[in-house]
Amino acid sequence: MKNMGDIMKAAQQMQTKMAEAQTRLKAMEVEGQSGAGAVRVTLNGEGRAVRVGLDASIVAPDDIGMLEDLLVAAFNDAKGKMDAKVAQEMQSVTGGLGLPPGLKLPF
């Protein structure tokens, strides 16, 4: 077993890495698409939509329902990509700790 000093040092290093990872994640943007790129939604690292792009060919007054469905699909695509990036970044920070599966940091 490591001594308490080594454990504290490792915890401080992890805290620093965690802060750096959070800063990188906040600066990231991902774009999700649906309808073969006709609808695009961009999310920031906090999971908030920052842009929506619509191809002019899909905007028709009688197709509002389809447009709404495409927007939801594009948002969900972008959110899934951001969730994967967050998980990957957190794994690189906490990889050597042997944390139990499902434990999410930061608490």
PDB file of N, CA and C in Angstrom:
ATOM      1  N   MET A   1       0.843  -1.186   0.000  1.00  0.00           N
ATOM      2  CA  MET A   1       0.000   0.000   0.000  1.00  0.00           C
ATOM      3  C   MET A   1       0.880   1.238   0.000  1.00  0.00           C
ATOM      4  N   LYS A   2       0.486   2.234  -0.735  1.00  0.00           N
ATOM      5  CA  LYS A   2       1.237   3.477  -0.806  1.00  0.00           C
ATOM      6  C   LYS A   2       1.090   4.245   0.500  1.00  0.00           C
ATOM      7  N   ASN A   3       2.074   5.097   0.756  1.00  0.00           N
ATOM      8  CA  ASN A   3       1.942   5.921   1.961  1.00  0.00           C
ATOM      9  C   ASN A   3       0.999   7.085   1.676  1.00  0.00           C
ATOM     10  N   MET A   4       0.584   7.737   2.729  1.00  0.00           N
ATOM     11  CA  MET A   4      -0.413   8.808   2.630  1.00  0.00           C
ATOM     12  C   MET A   4       0.083   9.962   1.756  1.00  0.00           C
ATOM     13  N   GLY A   5       1.372  10.260   1.809  1.00  0.00           N
ATOM     14  CA  GLY A   5       1.928  11.338   0.985  1.00  0.00           C
ATOM     15  C   GLY A   5       1.781  11.049  -0.500  1.00  0.00           C
ATOM     16  N   ASP A   6       2.039   9.794  -0.883  1.00  0.00           N
ATOM     17  CA  ASP A   6       1.896   9.402  -2.287  1.00  0.00           C
ATOM     18  C   ASP A   6       0.433   9.480  -2.728  1.00  0.00           C
ATOM     19  N   ILE A   7      -0.449   9.082  -1.860  1.00  0.00           N
ATOM     20  CA  ILE A   7      -1.880   9.125  -2.174  1.00  0.00           C
ATOM     21  C   ILE A   7      -2.340  10.568  -2.352  1.00  0.00           C
ATOM     22  N   MET A   8      -1.892  11.454  -1.476  1.00  0.00           N
ATOM     23  CA  MET A   8      -2.273  12.871  -1.576  1.00  0.00           C
ATOM     24  C   MET A   8      -1.700  13.497  -2.845  1.00  0.00           C
ATOM     25  N   LYS A   9      -0.467  13.150  -3.168  1.00  0.00           N
ATOM     26  CA  LYS A   9       0.165  13.667  -4.382  1.00  0.00           C
ATOM     27  C   LYS A   9      -0.604  13.207  -5.616  1.00  0.00           C
ATOM     28  N   ALA A  10      -0.980  11.932  -5.642  1.00  0.00           N
ATOM     29  CA  ALA A  10      -1.747  11.394  -6.765  1.00  0.00           C
ATOM     30  C   ALA A  10      -3.109  12.074  -6.872  1.00  0.00           C
ATOM     31  N   ALA A  11      -3.734  12.334  -5.738  1.00  0.00           N
ATOM     32  CA  ALA A  11      -5.036  13.011  -5.734  1.00  0.00           C
ATOM     33  C   ALA A  11      -4.911  14.434  -6.265  1.00  0.00           C
ATOM     34  N   GLN A  12      -3.855  15.131  -5.891  1.00  0.00           N
ATOM     35  CA  GLN A  12      -3.638  16.496  -6.385  1.00  0.00           C
ATOM     36  C   GLN A  12      -3.388  16.495  -7.888  1.00  0.00           C
ATOM     37  N   GLN A  13      -2.615  15.528  -8.360  1.00  0.00           N
ATOM     38  CA  GLN A  13      -2.356  15.426  -9.796  1.00  0.00           C
ATOM     39  C   GLN A  13      -3.648  15.144 -10.558  1.00  0.00           C
ATOM     40  N   MET A  14      -4.466  14.249 -10.010  1.00  0.00           N
ATOM     41  CA  MET A  14      -5.732  13.943 -10.651  1.00  0.00           C
ATOM     42  C   MET A  14      -6.633  15.178 -10.663  1.00  0.00           C
ATOM     43  N   GLN A  15      -6.645  15.935  -9.585  1.00  0.00           N
ATOM     44  CA  GLN A  15      -7.470  17.131  -9.523  1.00  0.00           C
ATOM     45  C   GLN A  15      -7.025  18.135 -10.589  1.00  0.00           C
ATOM     46  N   THR A  16      -5.728  18.294 -10.756  1.00  0.00           N
ATOM     47  CA  THR A  16      -5.206  19.200 -11.779  1.00  0.00           C
ATOM     48  C   THR A  16      -5.597  18.722 -13.171  1.00  0.00           C
ATOM     49  N   LYS A  17      -5.424  17.419 -13.413  1.00  0.00           N
ATOM     50  CA  LYS A  17      -5.788  16.859 -14.712  1.00  0.00           C
ATOM     51  C   LYS A  17      -7.287  17.000 -14.978  1.00  0.00           C
ATOM     52  N   MET A  18      -8.092  16.831 -13.924  1.00  0.00           N
ATOM     53  CA  MET A  18      -9.537  16.945 -14.060  1.00  0.00           C
ATOM     54  C   MET A  18      -9.919  18.374 -14.454  1.00  0.00           C
ATOM     55  N   ALA A  19      -9.310  19.358 -13.813  1.00  0.00           N
ATOM     56  CA  ALA A  19      -9.593  20.756 -14.142  1.00  0.00           C
ATOM     57  C   ALA A  19      -9.187  21.065 -15.578  1.00  0.00           C
ATOM     58  N   GLU A  20      -8.027  20.546 -16.007  1.00  0.00           N
ATOM     59  CA  GLU A  20      -7.579  20.756 -17.377  1.00  0.00           C
ATOM     60  C   GLU A  20      -8.537  20.102 -18.372  1.00  0.00           C
ATOM     61  N   ALA A  21      -8.992  18.898 -18.055  1.00  0.00           N
ATOM     62  CA  ALA A  21      -9.928  18.184 -18.928  1.00  0.00           C
ATOM     63  C   ALA A  21     -11.247  18.943 -19.037  1.00  0.00           C
ATOM     64  N   GLN A  22     -11.735  19.465 -17.925  1.00  0.00           N
ATOM     65  CA  GLN A  22     -12.989  20.216 -17.951  1.00  0.00           C
ATOM     66  C   GLN A  22     -12.852  21.473 -18.800  1.00  0.00           C
ATOM     67  N   THR A  23     -11.709  22.136 -18.728  1.00  0.00           N
ATOM     68  CA  THR A  23     -11.475  23.328 -19.548  1.00  0.00           C
ATOM     69  C   THR A  23     -11.480  22.946 -21.027  1.00  0.00           C
ATOM     70  N   ARG A  24     -10.795  21.858 -21.376  1.00  0.00           N
ATOM     71  CA  ARG A  24     -10.773  21.403 -22.775  1.00  0.00           C
ATOM     72  C   ARG A  24     -12.174  21.039 -23.248  1.00  0.00           C
ATOM     73  N   LEU A  25     -12.914  20.350 -22.410  1.00  0.00           N
ATOM     74  CA  LEU A  25     -14.263  19.930 -22.801  1.00  0.00           C
ATOM     75  C   LEU A  25     -15.188  21.120 -23.019  1.00  0.00           C
ATOM     76  N   LYS A  26     -15.092  22.131 -22.164  1.00  0.00           N
ATOM     77  CA  LYS A  26     -15.941  23.313 -22.334  1.00  0.00           C
ATOM     78  C   LYS A  26     -15.672  24.012 -23.657  1.00  0.00           C
ATOM     79  N   ALA A  27     -14.435  23.946 -24.138  1.00  0.00           N
ATOM     80  CA  ALA A  27     -14.065  24.613 -25.383  1.00  0.00           C
ATOM     81  C   ALA A  27     -14.460  23.807 -26.622  1.00  0.00           C
ATOM     82  N   MET A  28     -14.791  22.532 -26.452  1.00  0.00           N
ATOM     83  CA  MET A  28     -15.135  21.679 -27.588  1.00  0.00           C
ATOM     84  C   MET A  28     -16.510  21.997 -28.131  1.00  0.00           C
ATOM     85  N   GLU A  29     -16.665  21.727 -29.420  1.00  0.00           N
ATOM     86  CA  GLU A  29     -17.973  21.748 -30.057  1.00  0.00           C
ATOM     87  C   GLU A  29     -18.076  20.503 -30.916  1.00  0.00           C
ATOM     88  N   VAL A  30     -19.254  19.924 -30.973  1.00  0.00           N
ATOM     89  CA  VAL A  30     -19.515  18.799 -31.866  1.00  0.00           C
ATOM     90  C   VAL A  30     -20.777  19.092 -32.651  1.00  0.00           C
ATOM     91  N   GLU A  31     -20.809  18.569 -33.859  1.00  0.00           N
ATOM     92  CA  GLU A  31     -21.973  18.770 -34.715  1.00  0.00           C
ATOM     93  C   GLU A  31     -22.644  17.433 -34.963  1.00  0.00           C
ATOM     94  N   GLY A  32     -23.931  17.400 -34.766  1.00  0.00           N
ATOM     95  CA  GLY A  32     -24.734  16.234 -35.109  1.00  0.00           C
ATOM     96  C   GLY A  32     -25.544  16.540 -36.351  1.00  0.00           C
ATOM     97  N   GLN A  33     -25.836  15.503 -37.118  1.00  0.00           N
ATOM     98  CA  GLN A  33     -26.563  15.684 -38.372  1.00  0.00           C
ATOM     99  C   GLN A  33     -27.687  14.677 -38.491  1.00  0.00           C
ATOM    100  N   SER A  34     -28.672  15.051 -39.261  1.00  0.00           N
ATOM    101  CA  SER A  34     -29.725  14.124 -39.658  1.00  0.00           C
ATOM    102  C   SER A  34     -30.180  14.516 -41.057  1.00  0.00           C
ATOM    103  N   GLY A  35     -30.932  13.628 -41.683  1.00  0.00           N
ATOM    104  CA  GLY A  35     -31.423  13.923 -43.029  1.00  0.00           C
ATOM    105  C   GLY A  35     -30.295  14.128 -44.021  1.00  0.00           C
ATOM    106  N   ALA A  36     -29.258  13.287 -43.946  1.00  0.00           N
ATOM    107  CA  ALA A  36     -28.106  13.358 -44.850  1.00  0.00           C
ATOM    108  C   ALA A  36     -27.462  14.741 -44.838  1.00  0.00           C
ATOM    109  N   GLY A  37     -27.399  15.337 -43.658  1.00  0.00           N
ATOM    110  CA  GLY A  37     -26.748  16.640 -43.500  1.00  0.00           C
ATOM    111  C   GLY A  37     -27.668  17.826 -43.704  1.00  0.00           C
ATOM    112  N   ALA A  38     -28.935  17.579 -43.968  1.00  0.00           N
ATOM    113  CA  ALA A  38     -29.877  18.677 -44.195  1.00  0.00           C
ATOM    114  C   ALA A  38     -30.159  19.462 -42.914  1.00  0.00           C
ATOM    115  N   VAL A  39     -30.013  18.811 -41.778  1.00  0.00           N
ATOM    116  CA  VAL A  39     -30.190  19.467 -40.484  1.00  0.00           C
ATOM    117  C   VAL A  39     -28.923  19.226 -39.680  1.00  0.00           C
ATOM    118  N   ARG A  40     -28.369  20.320 -39.148  1.00  0.00           N
ATOM    119  CA  ARG A  40     -27.154  20.231 -38.343  1.00  0.00           C
ATOM    120  C   ARG A  40     -27.384  20.977 -37.031  1.00  0.00           C
ATOM    121  N   VAL A  41     -26.954  20.354 -35.949  1.00  0.00           N
ATOM    122  CA  VAL A  41     -27.033  20.973 -34.629  1.00  0.00           C
ATOM    123  C   VAL A  41     -25.641  20.906 -34.018  1.00  0.00           C
ATOM    124  N   THR A  42     -25.169  22.028 -33.511  1.00  0.00           N
ATOM    125  CA  THR A  42     -23.862  22.083 -32.866  1.00  0.00           C
ATOM    126  C   THR A  42     -24.050  22.304 -31.380  1.00  0.00           C
ATOM    127  N   LEU A  43     -23.382  21.456 -30.573  1.00  0.00           N
ATOM    128  CA  LEU A  43     -23.423  21.573 -29.118  1.00  0.00           C
ATOM    129  C   LEU A  43     -22.052  21.969 -28.612  1.00  0.00           C
ATOM    130  N   ASN A  44     -22.046  22.724 -27.510  1.00  0.00           N
ATOM    131  CA  ASN A  44     -20.772  23.022 -26.856  1.00  0.00           C
ATOM    132  C   ASN A  44     -20.466  21.927 -25.841  1.00  0.00           C
ATOM    133  N   GLY A  45     -19.336  22.058 -25.176  1.00  0.00           N
ATOM    134  CA  GLY A  45     -18.899  21.047 -24.225  1.00  0.00           C
ATOM    135  C   GLY A  45     -19.774  20.907 -23.001  1.00  0.00           C
ATOM    136  N   GLU A  46     -20.689  21.825 -22.816  1.00  0.00           N
ATOM    137  CA  GLU A  46     -21.632  21.725 -21.704  1.00  0.00           C
ATOM    138  C   GLU A  46     -22.943  21.094 -22.145  1.00  0.00           C
ATOM    139  N   GLY A  47     -22.993  20.648 -23.405  1.00  0.00           N
ATOM    140  CA  GLY A  47     -24.189  19.990 -23.912  1.00  0.00           C
ATOM    141  C   GLY A  47     -25.291  20.937 -24.336  1.00  0.00           C
ATOM    142  N   ARG A  48     -24.973  22.195 -24.515  1.00  0.00           N
ATOM    143  CA  ARG A  48     -25.971  23.186 -24.935  1.00  0.00           C
ATOM    144  C   ARG A  48     -25.857  23.416 -26.438  1.00  0.00           C
ATOM    145  N   ALA A  49     -27.000  23.491 -27.092  1.00  0.00           N
ATOM    146  CA  ALA A  49     -27.019  23.771 -28.521  1.00  0.00           C
ATOM    147  C   ALA A  49     -26.556  25.206 -28.752  1.00  0.00           C
ATOM    148  N   VAL A  50     -25.628  25.371 -29.692  1.00  0.00           N
ATOM    149  CA  VAL A  50     -25.133  26.709 -30.005  1.00  0.00           C
ATOM    150  C   VAL A  50     -25.501  27.146 -31.419  1.00  0.00           C
ATOM    151  N   ARG A  51     -25.769  26.190 -32.313  1.00  0.00           N
ATOM    152  CA  ARG A  51     -26.152  26.509 -33.675  1.00  0.00           C
ATOM    153  C   ARG A  51     -27.053  25.417 -34.224  1.00  0.00           C
ATOM    154  N   VAL A  52     -27.957  25.828 -35.107  1.00  0.00           N
ATOM    155  CA  VAL A  52     -28.775  24.909 -35.884  1.00  0.00           C
ATOM    156  C   VAL A  52     -28.652  25.352 -37.330  1.00  0.00           C
ATOM    157  N   GLY A  53     -28.358  24.421 -38.212  1.00  0.00           N
ATOM    158  CA  GLY A  53     -28.289  24.735 -39.639  1.00  0.00           C
ATOM    159  C   GLY A  53     -29.308  23.921 -40.395  1.00  0.00           C
ATOM    160  N   LEU A  54     -30.045  24.578 -41.286  1.00  0.00           N
ATOM    161  CA  LEU A  54     -31.082  23.909 -42.066  1.00  0.00           C
ATOM    162  C   LEU A  54     -30.814  24.122 -43.549  1.00  0.00           C
ATOM    163  N   ASP A  55     -30.872  23.055 -44.320  1.00  0.00           N
ATOM    164  CA  ASP A  55     -30.776  23.166 -45.768  1.00  0.00           C
ATOM    165  C   ASP A  55     -32.113  23.719 -46.267  1.00  0.00           C
ATOM    166  N   ALA A  56     -32.055  24.678 -47.164  1.00  0.00           N
ATOM    167  CA  ALA A  56     -33.272  25.325 -47.660  1.00  0.00           C
ATOM    168  C   ALA A  56     -34.243  24.337 -48.303  1.00  0.00           C
ATOM    169  N   SER A  57     -33.737  23.236 -48.793  1.00  0.00           N
ATOM    170  CA  SER A  57     -34.595  22.272 -49.476  1.00  0.00           C
ATOM    171  C   SER A  57     -35.557  21.544 -48.535  1.00  0.00           C
ATOM    172  N   ILE A  58     -35.308  21.592 -47.244  1.00  0.00           N
ATOM    173  CA  ILE A  58     -36.177  20.849 -46.325  1.00  0.00           C
ATOM    174  C   ILE A  58     -37.198  21.716 -45.618  1.00  0.00           C
ATOM    175  N   VAL A  59     -37.141  23.008 -45.804  1.00  0.00           N
ATOM    176  CA  VAL A  59     -38.060  23.902 -45.099  1.00  0.00           C
ATOM    177  C   VAL A  59     -39.289  24.143 -45.969  1.00  0.00           C
ATOM    178  N   ALA A  60     -40.352  23.498 -45.582  1.00  0.00           N
ATOM    179  CA  ALA A  60     -41.625  23.658 -46.275  1.00  0.00           C
ATOM    180  C   ALA A  60     -42.714  23.746 -45.216  1.00  0.00           C
ATOM    181  N   PRO A  61     -43.646  24.667 -45.382  1.00  0.00           N
ATOM    182  CA  PRO A  61     -44.672  24.867 -44.351  1.00  0.00           C
ATOM    183  C   PRO A  61     -45.457  23.610 -43.985  1.00  0.00           C
ATOM    184  N   ASP A  62     -45.658  22.722 -44.955  1.00  0.00           N
ATOM    185  CA  ASP A  62     -46.455  21.531 -44.668  1.00  0.00           C
ATOM    186  C   ASP A  62     -45.629  20.383 -44.085  1.00  0.00           C
ATOM    187  N   ASP A  63     -44.321  20.585 -43.896  1.00  0.00           N
ATOM    188  CA  ASP A  63     -43.450  19.544 -43.358  1.00  0.00           C
ATOM    189  C   ASP A  63     -42.885  19.890 -41.986  1.00  0.00           C
ATOM    190  N   ILE A  64     -43.604  20.670 -41.218  1.00  0.00           N
ATOM    191  CA  ILE A  64     -43.112  21.096 -39.903  1.00  0.00           C
ATOM    192  C   ILE A  64     -42.827  19.892 -39.010  1.00  0.00           C
ATOM    193  N   GLY A  65     -43.679  18.900 -39.026  1.00  0.00           N
ATOM    194  CA  GLY A  65     -43.480  17.712 -38.196  1.00  0.00           C
ATOM    195  C   GLY A  65     -42.190  16.999 -38.542  1.00  0.00           C
ATOM    196  N   MET A  66     -41.925  16.856 -39.836  1.00  0.00           N
ATOM    197  CA  MET A  66     -40.683  16.213 -40.260  1.00  0.00           C
ATOM    198  C   MET A  66     -39.477  17.034 -39.799  1.00  0.00           C
ATOM    199  N   LEU A  67     -39.560  18.350 -39.949  1.00  0.00           N
ATOM    200  CA  LEU A  67     -38.468  19.224 -39.535  1.00  0.00           C
ATOM    201  C   LEU A  67     -38.208  19.096 -38.035  1.00  0.00           C
ATOM    202  N   GLU A  68     -39.258  19.049 -37.258  1.00  0.00           N
ATOM    203  CA  GLU A  68     -39.096  18.881 -35.813  1.00  0.00           C
ATOM    204  C   GLU A  68     -38.421  17.555 -35.488  1.00  0.00           C
ATOM    205  N   ASP A  69     -38.820  16.485 -36.151  1.00  0.00           N
ATOM    206  CA  ASP A  69     -38.203  15.180 -35.925  1.00  0.00           C
ATOM    207  C   ASP A  69     -36.729  15.190 -36.309  1.00  0.00           C
ATOM    208  N   LEU A  70     -36.394  15.838 -37.408  1.00  0.00           N
ATOM    209  CA  LEU A  70     -35.003  15.925 -37.843  1.00  0.00           C
ATOM    210  C   LEU A  70     -34.160  16.721 -36.854  1.00  0.00           C
ATOM    211  N   LEU A  71     -34.729  17.791 -36.305  1.00  0.00           N
ATOM    212  CA  LEU A  71     -34.002  18.586 -35.313  1.00  0.00           C
ATOM    213  C   LEU A  71     -33.712  17.766 -34.060  1.00  0.00           C
ATOM    214  N   VAL A  72     -34.685  17.016 -33.610  1.00  0.00           N
ATOM    215  CA  VAL A  72     -34.482  16.160 -32.441  1.00  0.00           C
ATOM    216  C   VAL A  72     -33.400  15.118 -32.729  1.00  0.00           C
ATOM    217  N   ALA A  73     -33.443  14.503 -33.896  1.00  0.00           N
ATOM    218  CA  ALA A  73     -32.449  13.488 -34.254  1.00  0.00           C
ATOM    219  C   ALA A  73     -31.047  14.093 -34.329  1.00  0.00           C
ATOM    220  N   ALA A  74     -30.918  15.280 -34.903  1.00  0.00           N
ATOM    221  CA  ALA A  74     -29.615  15.937 -35.001  1.00  0.00           C
ATOM    222  C   ALA A  74     -29.088  16.316 -33.619  1.00  0.00           C
ATOM    223  N   PHE A  75     -29.957  16.825 -32.768  1.00  0.00           N
ATOM    224  CA  PHE A  75     -29.538  17.168 -31.407  1.00  0.00           C
ATOM    225  C   PHE A  75     -29.052  15.928 -30.671  1.00  0.00           C
ATOM    226  N   ASN A  76     -29.806  14.852 -30.765  1.00  0.00           N
ATOM    227  CA  ASN A  76     -29.427  13.622 -30.077  1.00  0.00           C
ATOM    228  C   ASN A  76     -28.122  13.046 -30.616  1.00  0.00           C
ATOM    229  N   ASP A  77     -27.879  13.187 -31.908  1.00  0.00           N
ATOM    230  CA  ASP A  77     -26.630  12.736 -32.500  1.00  0.00           C
ATOM    231  C   ASP A  77     -25.458  13.529 -31.918  1.00  0.00           C
ATOM    232  N   ALA A  78     -25.591  14.845 -31.863  1.00  0.00           N
ATOM    233  CA  ALA A  78     -24.526  15.686 -31.302  1.00  0.00           C
ATOM    234  C   ALA A  78     -24.319  15.404 -29.819  1.00  0.00           C
ATOM    235  N   LYS A  79     -25.392  15.231 -29.068  1.00  0.00           N
ATOM    236  CA  LYS A  79     -25.294  14.952 -27.635  1.00  0.00           C
ATOM    237  C   LYS A  79     -24.588  13.626 -27.390  1.00  0.00           C
ATOM    238  N   GLY A  80     -24.905  12.618 -28.190  1.00  0.00           N
ATOM    239  CA  GLY A  80     -24.237  11.326 -28.054  1.00  0.00           C
ATOM    240  C   GLY A  80     -22.747  11.429 -28.324  1.00  0.00           C
ATOM    241  N   LYS A  81     -22.366  12.212 -29.329  1.00  0.00           N
ATOM    242  CA  LYS A  81     -20.951  12.408 -29.634  1.00  0.00           C
ATOM    243  C   LYS A  81     -20.244  13.127 -28.491  1.00  0.00           C
ATOM    244  N   MET A  82     -20.899  14.130 -27.904  1.00  0.00           N
ATOM    245  CA  MET A  82     -20.280  14.858 -26.795  1.00  0.00           C
ATOM    246  C   MET A  82     -20.147  13.952 -25.575  1.00  0.00           C
ATOM    247  N   ASP A  83     -21.156  13.145 -25.298  1.00  0.00           N
ATOM    248  CA  ASP A  83     -21.081  12.213 -24.170  1.00  0.00           C
ATOM    249  C   ASP A  83     -19.900  11.257 -24.344  1.00  0.00           C
ATOM    250  N   ALA A  84     -19.681  10.797 -25.573  1.00  0.00           N
ATOM    251  CA  ALA A  84     -18.558   9.894 -25.839  1.00  0.00           C
ATOM    252  C   ALA A  84     -17.223  10.599 -25.617  1.00  0.00           C
ATOM    253  N   LYS A  85     -17.119  11.861 -26.044  1.00  0.00           N
ATOM    254  CA  LYS A  85     -15.882  12.621 -25.828  1.00  0.00           C
ATOM    255  C   LYS A  85     -15.633  12.852 -24.343  1.00  0.00           C
ATOM    256  N   VAL A  86     -16.689  13.163 -23.605  1.00  0.00           N
ATOM    257  CA  VAL A  86     -16.549  13.369 -22.155  1.00  0.00           C
ATOM    258  C   VAL A  86     -16.070  12.083 -21.499  1.00  0.00           C
ATOM    259  N   ALA A  87     -16.673  10.960 -21.851  1.00  0.00           N
ATOM    260  CA  ALA A  87     -16.277   9.680 -21.259  1.00  0.00           C
ATOM    261  C   ALA A  87     -14.827   9.360 -21.590  1.00  0.00           C
ATOM    262  N   GLN A  88     -14.425   9.610 -22.828  1.00  0.00           N
ATOM    263  CA  GLN A  88     -13.047   9.344 -23.241  1.00  0.00           C
ATOM    264  C   GLN A  88     -12.065  10.240 -22.475  1.00  0.00           C
ATOM    265  N   GLU A  89     -12.389  11.503 -22.338  1.00  0.00           N
ATOM    266  CA  GLU A  89     -11.514  12.440 -21.626  1.00  0.00           C
ATOM    267  C   GLU A  89     -11.408  12.064 -20.146  1.00  0.00           C
ATOM    268  N   MET A  90     -12.511  11.715 -19.532  1.00  0.00           N
ATOM    269  CA  MET A  90     -12.480  11.339 -18.120  1.00  0.00           C
ATOM    270  C   MET A  90     -11.719  10.037 -17.918  1.00  0.00           C
ATOM    271  N   GLN A  91     -11.814   9.114 -18.889  1.00  0.00           N
ATOM    272  CA  GLN A  91     -11.067   7.863 -18.796  1.00  0.00           C
ATOM    273  C   GLN A  91      -9.573   8.128 -18.818  1.00  0.00           C
ATOM    274  N   SER A  92      -9.143   9.103 -19.624  1.00  0.00           N
ATOM    275  CA  SER A  92      -7.713   9.399 -19.692  1.00  0.00           C
ATOM    276  C   SER A  92      -7.220  10.016 -18.385  1.00  0.00           C
ATOM    277  N   VAL A  93      -8.104  10.689 -17.662  1.00  0.00           N
ATOM    278  CA  VAL A  93      -7.728  11.296 -16.385  1.00  0.00           C
ATOM    279  C   VAL A  93      -7.744  10.272 -15.266  1.00  0.00           C
ATOM    280  N   THR A  94      -8.746   9.410 -15.235  1.00  0.00           N
ATOM    281  CA  THR A  94      -8.936   8.500 -14.106  1.00  0.00           C
ATOM    282  C   THR A  94      -8.495   7.073 -14.410  1.00  0.00           C
ATOM    283  N   GLY A  95      -7.941   6.828 -15.594  1.00  0.00           N
ATOM    284  CA  GLY A  95      -7.608   5.483 -16.046  1.00  0.00           C
ATOM    285  C   GLY A  95      -6.813   4.649 -15.074  1.00  0.00           C
ATOM    286  N   GLY A  96      -5.849   5.221 -14.378  1.00  0.00           N
ATOM    287  CA  GLY A  96      -5.001   4.433 -13.502  1.00  0.00           C
ATOM    288  C   GLY A  96      -5.525   4.242 -12.099  1.00  0.00           C
ATOM    289  N   LEU A  97      -6.684   4.784 -11.803  1.00  0.00           N
ATOM    290  CA  LEU A  97      -7.191   4.721 -10.435  1.00  0.00           C
ATOM    291  C   LEU A  97      -7.949   3.447 -10.113  1.00  0.00           C
ATOM    292  N   GLY A  98      -8.438   2.773 -11.109  1.00  0.00           N
ATOM    293  CA  GLY A  98      -9.214   1.568 -10.843  1.00  0.00           C
ATOM    294  C   GLY A  98     -10.519   1.873 -10.151  1.00  0.00           C
ATOM    295  N   LEU A  99     -11.208   2.940 -10.583  1.00  0.00           N
ATOM    296  CA  LEU A  99     -12.495   3.293  -9.978  1.00  0.00           C
ATOM    297  C   LEU A  99     -13.552   2.259 -10.382  1.00  0.00           C
ATOM    298  N   PRO A 100     -14.521   2.039  -9.513  1.00  0.00           N
ATOM    299  CA  PRO A 100     -15.582   1.084  -9.832  1.00  0.00           C
ATOM    300  C   PRO A 100     -16.363   1.518 -11.068  1.00  0.00           C
ATOM    301  N   PRO A 101     -16.824   0.579 -11.893  1.00  0.00           N
ATOM    302  CA  PRO A 101     -17.610   0.927 -13.065  1.00  0.00           C
ATOM    303  C   PRO A 101     -18.846   1.721 -12.660  1.00  0.00           C
ATOM    304  N   GLY A 102     -19.165   2.752 -13.432  1.00  0.00           N
ATOM    305  CA  GLY A 102     -20.338   3.562 -13.146  1.00  0.00           C
ATOM    306  C   GLY A 102     -20.082   4.753 -12.254  1.00  0.00           C
ATOM    307  N   LEU A 103     -18.929   4.792 -11.589  1.00  0.00           N
ATOM    308  CA  LEU A 103     -18.604   5.930 -10.734  1.00  0.00           C
ATOM    309  C   LEU A 103     -18.196   7.075 -11.629  1.00  0.00           C
ATOM    310  N   LYS A 104     -18.891   8.187 -11.498  1.00  0.00           N
ATOM    311  CA  LYS A 104     -18.632   9.331 -12.375  1.00  0.00           C
ATOM    312  C   LYS A 104     -17.933  10.424 -11.587  1.00  0.00           C
ATOM    313  N   LEU A 105     -16.937  11.001 -12.227  1.00  0.00           N
ATOM    314  CA  LEU A 105     -16.236  12.142 -11.657  1.00  0.00           C
ATOM    315  C   LEU A 105     -16.457  13.328 -12.578  1.00  0.00           C
ATOM    316  N   PRO A 106     -16.499  14.543 -12.121  1.00  0.00           N
ATOM    317  CA  PRO A 106     -16.483  14.913 -10.711  1.00  0.00           C
ATOM    318  C   PRO A 106     -17.791  14.546 -10.039  1.00  0.00           C
ATOM    319  N   PHE A 107     -17.729  14.407  -8.730  1.00  0.00           N
ATOM    320  CA  PHE A 107     -18.883  13.938  -7.951  1.00  0.00           C
ATOM    321  C   PHE A 107     -20.005  14.929  -7.979  1.00  0.00           C
TER     322      PHE A 107
END
